[in-house]
Amino acid sequence: MAKKKIDTSKLNLSLGKKRPIKKTTTRTKKVDSDEVVKKIHPEVGSKTRVSTPVKPRMETPSEPTKRVTLDIPVSLHKRIKMNVFDMETTMKKYFLELAEKDLKSKDK
Protein backbone atom coordinates (compact mmCIF):
# COMPACT_ATOMS: atom_id res chain seq x y z
CA MET A 1 0.00 0.00 0.00
CA ALA A 2 1.34 3.44 -0.88
CA LYS A 3 1.84 6.04 1.80
CA LYS A 4 -0.41 9.07 1.62
CA LYS A 5 1.36 12.36 1.18
CA ILE A 6 0.33 15.15 3.51
CA ASP A 7 0.33 18.71 2.24
CA THR A 8 2.20 20.51 5.05
CA SER A 9 1.48 23.94 3.60
CA LYS A 10 -2.12 23.64 4.81
CA LEU A 11 -1.21 22.77 8.41
CA ASN A 12 -1.62 25.44 11.07
CA LEU A 13 1.50 25.12 13.21
CA SER A 14 1.12 28.39 15.13
CA LEU A 15 0.93 28.31 18.90
CA GLY A 16 -1.71 30.98 19.06
CA LYS A 17 -1.66 34.71 19.54
CA LYS A 18 1.38 36.13 21.28
CA ARG A 19 0.60 37.63 24.63
CA PRO A 20 2.55 40.61 25.93
CA ILE A 21 4.68 39.96 29.00
CA LYS A 22 3.71 42.09 31.96
CA LYS A 23 6.64 43.90 33.45
CA THR A 24 7.00 43.59 37.19
CA THR A 25 7.59 46.65 39.27
CA THR A 26 10.97 46.97 40.88
CA ARG A 27 11.36 47.90 44.51
CA THR A 28 12.96 51.27 45.02
CA LYS A 29 13.37 51.08 48.78
CA LYS A 30 14.80 48.32 50.90
CA VAL A 31 12.30 46.27 52.86
CA ASP A 32 13.04 45.08 56.37
CA SER A 33 11.94 41.46 56.51
CA ASP A 34 11.29 41.62 60.26
CA GLU A 35 8.80 44.45 59.77
CA VAL A 36 7.01 42.53 57.04
CA VAL A 37 6.76 39.45 59.27
CA LYS A 38 5.38 41.59 62.12
CA LYS A 39 2.70 42.99 59.81
CA ILE A 40 1.67 39.53 58.64
CA HIS A 41 2.05 37.73 61.99
CA PRO A 42 1.78 40.25 64.84
CA GLU A 43 1.92 37.54 67.52
CA VAL A 44 5.29 36.31 66.23
CA GLY A 45 6.81 39.78 66.31
CA SER A 46 5.97 40.24 69.99
CA LYS A 47 7.83 37.13 71.07
CA THR A 48 11.58 37.25 71.47
CA ARG A 49 13.23 35.00 68.99
CA VAL A 50 15.96 32.65 70.18
CA SER A 51 18.31 31.64 67.43
CA THR A 52 19.32 28.02 67.37
CA PRO A 53 22.71 27.02 66.10
CA VAL A 54 22.66 25.54 62.61
CA LYS A 55 24.08 22.05 62.42
CA PRO A 56 26.22 21.18 59.41
CA ARG A 57 24.28 19.04 56.98
CA MET A 58 27.02 16.49 56.36
CA GLU A 59 30.00 15.67 58.47
CA THR A 60 33.34 15.23 56.80
CA PRO A 61 34.31 11.58 57.22
CA SER A 62 37.57 10.99 59.06
CA GLU A 63 38.38 8.10 56.74
CA PRO A 64 37.27 6.94 53.28
CA THR A 65 33.78 5.47 53.15
CA LYS A 66 31.97 2.74 51.21
CA ARG A 67 28.33 2.83 50.13
CA VAL A 68 26.16 -0.13 51.14
CA THR A 69 22.70 -0.90 49.74
CA LEU A 70 20.27 -3.08 51.65
CA ASP A 71 16.99 -4.62 50.54
CA ILE A 72 14.76 -5.00 53.58
CA PRO A 73 11.05 -5.80 53.92
CA VAL A 74 8.73 -2.79 54.00
CA SER A 75 7.35 -3.74 57.41
CA LEU A 76 10.85 -3.85 58.93
CA HIS A 77 11.77 -0.54 57.27
CA LYS A 78 8.67 1.06 58.75
CA ARG A 79 9.52 -0.19 62.25
CA ILE A 80 13.12 1.02 61.94
CA LYS A 81 12.00 4.41 60.62
CA MET A 82 9.55 4.88 63.50
CA ASN A 83 12.23 3.87 66.03
CA VAL A 84 14.78 6.23 64.49
CA PHE A 85 12.22 9.07 64.54
CA ASP A 86 11.52 8.45 68.24
CA MET A 87 15.27 8.48 68.94
CA GLU A 88 15.60 11.78 67.01
CA THR A 89 18.48 10.49 64.93
CA THR A 90 19.05 9.39 61.33
CA MET A 91 18.92 5.94 59.84
CA LYS A 92 22.58 6.27 58.88
CA LYS A 93 23.63 7.00 62.46
CA TYR A 94 21.35 4.24 63.73
CA PHE A 95 22.88 1.57 61.49
CA LEU A 96 26.45 2.75 62.14
CA GLU A 97 25.92 2.68 65.91
CA LEU A 98 24.23 -0.72 65.67
CA ALA A 99 27.14 -2.17 63.66
CA GLU A 100 29.76 -0.68 66.02
CA LYS A 101 27.91 -2.06 69.04
CA ASP A 102 27.64 -5.52 67.48
CA LEU A 103 31.30 -5.61 66.45
CA LYS A 104 32.48 -4.46 69.91
CA SER A 105 30.49 -7.20 71.58
CA LYS A 106 32.03 -9.84 69.28
CA ASP A 107 35.59 -8.56 69.92
CA LYS A 108 35.32 -9.39 73.63
C-alpha atoms as a PDB file:
ATOM      1  CA  MET A   1       0.000   0.000   0.000  1.00  0.00           C
ATOM      2  CA  ALA A   2       1.338   3.439  -0.876  1.00  0.00           C
ATOM      3  CA  LYS A   3       1.844   6.044   1.795  1.00  0.00           C
ATOM      4  CA  LYS A   4      -0.408   9.073   1.624  1.00  0.00           C
ATOM      5  CA  LYS A   5       1.365  12.358   1.181  1.00  0.00           C
ATOM      6  CA  ILE A   6       0.329  15.153   3.512  1.00  0.00           C
ATOM      7  CA  ASP A   7       0.327  18.714   2.242  1.00  0.00           C
ATOM      8  CA  THR A   8       2.202  20.507   5.050  1.00  0.00           C
ATOM      9  CA  SER A   9       1.479  23.940   3.604  1.00  0.00           C
ATOM     10  CA  LYS A  10      -2.123  23.644   4.813  1.00  0.00           C
ATOM     11  CA  LEU A  11      -1.212  22.766   8.407  1.00  0.00           C
ATOM     12  CA  ASN A  12      -1.618  25.438  11.069  1.00  0.00           C
ATOM     13  CA  LEU A  13       1.500  25.123  13.214  1.00  0.00           C
ATOM     14  CA  SER A  14       1.121  28.390  15.127  1.00  0.00           C
ATOM     15  CA  LEU A  15       0.928  28.306  18.897  1.00  0.00           C
ATOM     16  CA  GLY A  16      -1.711  30.981  19.059  1.00  0.00           C
ATOM     17  CA  LYS A  17      -1.656  34.707  19.536  1.00  0.00           C
ATOM     18  CA  LYS A  18       1.384  36.130  21.284  1.00  0.00           C
ATOM     19  CA  ARG A  19       0.599  37.635  24.634  1.00  0.00           C
ATOM     20  CA  PRO A  20       2.553  40.609  25.928  1.00  0.00           C
ATOM     21  CA  ILE A  21       4.684  39.960  29.000  1.00  0.00           C
ATOM     22  CA  LYS A  22       3.706  42.085  31.959  1.00  0.00           C
ATOM     23  CA  LYS A  23       6.644  43.900  33.446  1.00  0.00           C
ATOM     24  CA  THR A  24       7.002  43.587  37.191  1.00  0.00           C
ATOM     25  CA  THR A  25       7.594  46.653  39.272  1.00  0.00           C
ATOM     26  CA  THR A  26      10.974  46.970  40.882  1.00  0.00           C
ATOM     27  CA  ARG A  27      11.363  47.896  44.511  1.00  0.00           C
ATOM     28  CA  THR A  28      12.960  51.266  45.018  1.00  0.00           C
ATOM     29  CA  LYS A  29      13.366  51.079  48.780  1.00  0.00           C
ATOM     30  CA  LYS A  30      14.799  48.319  50.898  1.00  0.00           C
ATOM     31  CA  VAL A  31      12.298  46.271  52.857  1.00  0.00           C
ATOM     32  CA  ASP A  32      13.043  45.083  56.366  1.00  0.00           C
ATOM     33  CA  SER A  33      11.940  41.456  56.510  1.00  0.00           C
ATOM     34  CA  ASP A  34      11.285  41.620  60.264  1.00  0.00           C
ATOM     35  CA  GLU A  35       8.799  44.452  59.769  1.00  0.00           C
ATOM     36  CA  VAL A  36       7.007  42.528  57.039  1.00  0.00           C
ATOM     37  CA  VAL A  37       6.760  39.452  59.269  1.00  0.00           C
ATOM     38  CA  LYS A  38       5.380  41.592  62.124  1.00  0.00           C
ATOM     39  CA  LYS A  39       2.704  42.995  59.807  1.00  0.00           C
ATOM     40  CA  ILE A  40       1.674  39.527  58.637  1.00  0.00           C
ATOM     41  CA  HIS A  41       2.048  37.731  61.992  1.00  0.00           C
ATOM     42  CA  PRO A  42       1.780  40.246  64.838  1.00  0.00           C
ATOM     43  CA  GLU A  43       1.921  37.541  67.517  1.00  0.00           C
ATOM     44  CA  VAL A  44       5.292  36.310  66.227  1.00  0.00           C
ATOM     45  CA  GLY A  45       6.812  39.783  66.308  1.00  0.00           C
ATOM     46  CA  SER A  46       5.973  40.244  69.988  1.00  0.00           C
ATOM     47  CA  LYS A  47       7.835  37.129  71.067  1.00  0.00           C
ATOM     48  CA  THR A  48      11.581  37.245  71.474  1.00  0.00           C
ATOM     49  CA  ARG A  49      13.234  35.000  68.991  1.00  0.00           C
ATOM     50  CA  VAL A  50      15.959  32.653  70.178  1.00  0.00           C
ATOM     51  CA  SER A  51      18.309  31.645  67.431  1.00  0.00           C
ATOM     52  CA  THR A  52      19.316  28.019  67.369  1.00  0.00           C
ATOM     53  CA  PRO A  53      22.715  27.018  66.095  1.00  0.00           C
ATOM     54  CA  VAL A  54      22.656  25.541  62.614  1.00  0.00           C
ATOM     55  CA  LYS A  55      24.077  22.050  62.416  1.00  0.00           C
ATOM     56  CA  PRO A  56      26.223  21.185  59.412  1.00  0.00           C
ATOM     57  CA  ARG A  57      24.284  19.037  56.977  1.00  0.00           C
ATOM     58  CA  MET A  58      27.019  16.495  56.358  1.00  0.00           C
ATOM     59  CA  GLU A  59      29.997  15.671  58.466  1.00  0.00           C
ATOM     60  CA  THR A  60      33.339  15.234  56.801  1.00  0.00           C
ATOM     61  CA  PRO A  61      34.310  11.581  57.223  1.00  0.00           C
ATOM     62  CA  SER A  62      37.566  10.988  59.056  1.00  0.00           C
ATOM     63  CA  GLU A  63      38.381   8.098  56.737  1.00  0.00           C
ATOM     64  CA  PRO A  64      37.271   6.938  53.284  1.00  0.00           C
ATOM     65  CA  THR A  65      33.779   5.467  53.150  1.00  0.00           C
ATOM     66  CA  LYS A  66      31.969   2.736  51.206  1.00  0.00           C
ATOM     67  CA  ARG A  67      28.330   2.829  50.131  1.00  0.00           C
ATOM     68  CA  VAL A  68      26.157  -0.126  51.137  1.00  0.00           C
ATOM     69  CA  THR A  69      22.703  -0.896  49.738  1.00  0.00           C
ATOM     70  CA  LEU A  70      20.272  -3.077  51.648  1.00  0.00           C
ATOM     71  CA  ASP A  71      16.991  -4.624  50.541  1.00  0.00           C
ATOM     72  CA  ILE A  72      14.755  -5.002  53.576  1.00  0.00           C
ATOM     73  CA  PRO A  73      11.054  -5.803  53.922  1.00  0.00           C
ATOM     74  CA  VAL A  74       8.733  -2.787  53.999  1.00  0.00           C
ATOM     75  CA  SER A  75       7.346  -3.738  57.412  1.00  0.00           C
ATOM     76  CA  LEU A  76      10.850  -3.846  58.927  1.00  0.00           C
ATOM     77  CA  HIS A  77      11.774  -0.542  57.274  1.00  0.00           C
ATOM     78  CA  LYS A  78       8.667   1.063  58.746  1.00  0.00           C
ATOM     79  CA  ARG A  79       9.521  -0.193  62.249  1.00  0.00           C
ATOM     80  CA  ILE A  80      13.123   1.020  61.936  1.00  0.00           C
ATOM     81  CA  LYS A  81      12.004   4.411  60.618  1.00  0.00           C
ATOM     82  CA  MET A  82       9.546   4.876  63.500  1.00  0.00           C
ATOM     83  CA  ASN A  83      12.229   3.866  66.030  1.00  0.00           C
ATOM     84  CA  VAL A  84      14.775   6.235  64.492  1.00  0.00           C
ATOM     85  CA  PHE A  85      12.216   9.069  64.543  1.00  0.00           C
ATOM     86  CA  ASP A  86      11.520   8.454  68.239  1.00  0.00           C
ATOM     87  CA  MET A  87      15.272   8.476  68.940  1.00  0.00           C
ATOM     88  CA  GLU A  88      15.596  11.780  67.014  1.00  0.00           C
ATOM     89  CA  THR A  89      18.479  10.487  64.928  1.00  0.00           C
ATOM     90  CA  THR A  90      19.048   9.391  61.335  1.00  0.00           C
ATOM     91  CA  MET A  91      18.921   5.937  59.835  1.00  0.00           C
ATOM     92  CA  LYS A  92      22.580   6.268  58.879  1.00  0.00           C
ATOM     93  CA  LYS A  93      23.626   7.002  62.455  1.00  0.00           C
ATOM     94  CA  TYR A  94      21.348   4.239  63.728  1.00  0.00           C
ATOM     95  CA  PHE A  95      22.884   1.567  61.485  1.00  0.00           C
ATOM     96  CA  LEU A  96      26.452   2.754  62.141  1.00  0.00           C
ATOM     97  CA  GLU A  97      25.918   2.684  65.915  1.00  0.00           C
ATOM     98  CA  LEU A  98      24.234  -0.724  65.670  1.00  0.00           C
ATOM     99  CA  ALA A  99      27.143  -2.167  63.663  1.00  0.00           C
ATOM    100  CA  GLU A 100      29.757  -0.676  66.018  1.00  0.00           C
ATOM    101  CA  LYS A 101      27.906  -2.058  69.042  1.00  0.00           C
ATOM    102  CA  ASP A 102      27.638  -5.519  67.483  1.00  0.00           C
ATOM    103  CA  LEU A 103      31.302  -5.606  66.455  1.00  0.00           C
ATOM    104  CA  LYS A 104      32.482  -4.463  69.906  1.00  0.00           C
ATOM    105  CA  SER A 105      30.486  -7.205  71.585  1.00  0.00           C
ATOM    106  CA  LYS A 106      32.029  -9.838  69.276  1.00  0.00           C
ATOM    107  CA  ASP A 107      35.589  -8.562  69.917  1.00  0.00           C
ATOM    108  CA  LYS A 108      35.318  -9.391  73.628  1.00  0.00           C
END
